[in-house]
Structures are given as structure tokens and as C-alpha cells.
Amino acid sequence: MSDIITRTGNSLAVRIPKKIADYLKLVEDKEAYIHPHDHKLIIESRE
């Protein structure tokens, strides 16, 4: 799966497809832990 990186203000943004957001239990305004690892972007939900 691929997508386009967009700009939001001074930051870059990536859309997260609904299926992935549901699987990770990501919802709007909920905190998530985002960090780089081995040249990959890791997003972890904070349950």
C-alpha cells in the first residue's frame, strides 16, 4: 500500500487508511507514539 505525503502547516502528513486505523485502534484526538526505526516510521497506539 502506498500513499502521497502531504503538507499540513509546517509538518508533513500521511493518511492512514481506515482498515489500518481500526486495526491499531487509532482515533482522532487520541495520542499515538510515532518514532523512526531502521529507516521506517513506526506508529503505535497508546491504549
N, C-alpha and C. Protein backbone atom coordinates (compact mmCIF):
# COMPACT_ATOMS: atom_id res chain seq x y z
N MET A 1 0.86 -1.17 0.00
CA MET A 1 0.00 0.00 0.00
C MET A 1 0.90 1.23 0.00
N SER A 2 0.56 2.19 -0.83
CA SER A 2 1.35 3.44 -0.86
C SER A 2 0.39 4.62 -0.88
N ASP A 3 0.92 5.76 -0.50
CA ASP A 3 0.13 6.99 -0.47
C ASP A 3 1.07 8.16 -0.70
N ILE A 4 0.53 9.33 -0.81
CA ILE A 4 1.32 10.54 -1.04
C ILE A 4 1.46 11.30 0.27
N ILE A 5 2.66 11.78 0.53
CA ILE A 5 2.92 12.61 1.70
C ILE A 5 2.48 14.03 1.37
N THR A 6 1.69 14.64 2.24
CA THR A 6 1.20 15.99 2.03
C THR A 6 1.72 16.92 3.11
N ARG A 7 1.49 18.20 2.94
CA ARG A 7 1.91 19.19 3.95
C ARG A 7 0.69 19.68 4.71
N THR A 8 0.85 19.76 6.03
CA THR A 8 -0.17 20.33 6.91
C THR A 8 0.54 21.38 7.76
N GLY A 9 0.36 22.65 7.43
CA GLY A 9 1.11 23.71 8.12
C GLY A 9 2.59 23.54 7.82
N ASN A 10 3.42 23.47 8.86
CA ASN A 10 4.87 23.27 8.70
C ASN A 10 5.24 21.80 8.79
N SER A 11 4.27 20.92 8.96
CA SER A 11 4.54 19.49 9.13
C SER A 11 4.16 18.71 7.88
N LEU A 12 4.67 17.49 7.80
CA LEU A 12 4.27 16.58 6.74
C LEU A 12 3.22 15.62 7.31
N ALA A 13 2.33 15.14 6.45
CA ALA A 13 1.24 14.28 6.89
C ALA A 13 1.09 13.08 5.96
N VAL A 14 0.72 11.95 6.54
CA VAL A 14 0.43 10.74 5.78
C VAL A 14 -0.96 10.28 6.19
N ARG A 15 -1.82 9.98 5.21
CA ARG A 15 -3.15 9.47 5.54
C ARG A 15 -3.03 8.02 5.98
N ILE A 16 -3.81 7.66 6.99
CA ILE A 16 -3.84 6.28 7.47
C ILE A 16 -5.18 5.69 7.04
N PRO A 17 -5.16 4.65 6.20
CA PRO A 17 -6.41 4.04 5.75
C PRO A 17 -7.24 3.52 6.93
N LYS A 18 -8.56 3.57 6.78
CA LYS A 18 -9.48 3.19 7.85
C LYS A 18 -9.22 1.78 8.38
N LYS A 19 -8.94 0.83 7.50
CA LYS A 19 -8.69 -0.54 7.95
C LYS A 19 -7.50 -0.61 8.91
N ILE A 20 -6.45 0.14 8.59
CA ILE A 20 -5.26 0.15 9.44
C ILE A 20 -5.54 0.90 10.73
N ALA A 21 -6.23 2.04 10.65
CA ALA A 21 -6.58 2.81 11.85
C ALA A 21 -7.44 1.97 12.79
N ASP A 22 -8.40 1.24 12.23
CA ASP A 22 -9.26 0.37 13.05
C ASP A 22 -8.43 -0.73 13.72
N TYR A 23 -7.55 -1.36 12.96
CA TYR A 23 -6.71 -2.44 13.49
C TYR A 23 -5.83 -1.94 14.64
N LEU A 24 -5.27 -0.74 14.48
CA LEU A 24 -4.40 -0.17 15.52
C LEU A 24 -5.17 0.57 16.60
N LYS A 25 -6.50 0.66 16.43
CA LYS A 25 -7.36 1.38 17.37
C LYS A 25 -6.96 2.85 17.47
N LEU A 26 -6.63 3.43 16.30
CA LEU A 26 -6.30 4.85 16.23
C LEU A 26 -7.58 5.63 15.96
N VAL A 27 -7.80 6.67 16.74
CA VAL A 27 -8.96 7.53 16.53
C VAL A 27 -8.51 8.98 16.62
N GLU A 28 -9.29 9.86 16.04
CA GLU A 28 -8.97 11.29 16.06
C GLU A 28 -8.84 11.80 17.49
N ASP A 29 -7.85 12.64 17.72
CA ASP A 29 -7.57 13.27 19.01
C ASP A 29 -7.07 12.31 20.07
N LYS A 30 -6.71 11.07 19.70
CA LYS A 30 -6.12 10.12 20.64
C LYS A 30 -4.61 10.12 20.43
N GLU A 31 -3.86 10.07 21.51
CA GLU A 31 -2.41 10.11 21.43
C GLU A 31 -1.86 8.81 20.83
N ALA A 32 -0.84 8.96 19.98
CA ALA A 32 -0.14 7.82 19.40
C ALA A 32 1.36 8.10 19.52
N TYR A 33 2.15 7.05 19.62
CA TYR A 33 3.60 7.16 19.71
C TYR A 33 4.17 6.93 18.32
N ILE A 34 4.87 7.94 17.78
CA ILE A 34 5.43 7.88 16.43
C ILE A 34 6.94 8.05 16.53
N HIS A 35 7.68 7.09 15.94
CA HIS A 35 9.13 7.17 16.01
C HIS A 35 9.78 6.44 14.82
N PRO A 36 11.00 6.86 14.45
CA PRO A 36 11.69 6.18 13.37
C PRO A 36 12.41 4.94 13.91
N HIS A 37 12.54 3.92 13.04
CA HIS A 37 13.28 2.70 13.40
C HIS A 37 13.74 2.03 12.12
N ASP A 38 15.05 1.88 11.96
CA ASP A 38 15.63 1.25 10.76
C ASP A 38 15.06 1.82 9.47
N HIS A 39 15.04 3.15 9.35
CA HIS A 39 14.57 3.85 8.15
C HIS A 39 13.08 3.60 7.88
N LYS A 40 12.33 3.28 8.92
CA LYS A 40 10.88 3.11 8.81
C LYS A 40 10.20 3.99 9.84
N LEU A 41 8.96 4.37 9.58
CA LEU A 41 8.17 5.15 10.52
C LEU A 41 7.25 4.19 11.27
N ILE A 42 7.36 4.16 12.59
CA ILE A 42 6.56 3.28 13.44
C ILE A 42 5.50 4.11 14.13
N ILE A 43 4.24 3.65 14.06
CA ILE A 43 3.13 4.31 14.74
C ILE A 43 2.50 3.29 15.68
N GLU A 44 2.48 3.61 16.96
CA GLU A 44 1.92 2.70 17.96
C GLU A 44 0.79 3.40 18.70
N SER A 45 -0.32 2.71 18.88
CA SER A 45 -1.43 3.30 19.63
C SER A 45 -1.11 3.28 21.11
N ARG A 46 -1.61 4.27 21.80
CA ARG A 46 -1.45 4.36 23.26
C ARG A 46 -2.81 3.98 23.85
N GLU A 47 -2.96 2.73 24.23
CA GLU A 47 -4.26 2.25 24.72
C GLU A 47 -4.50 2.61 26.15
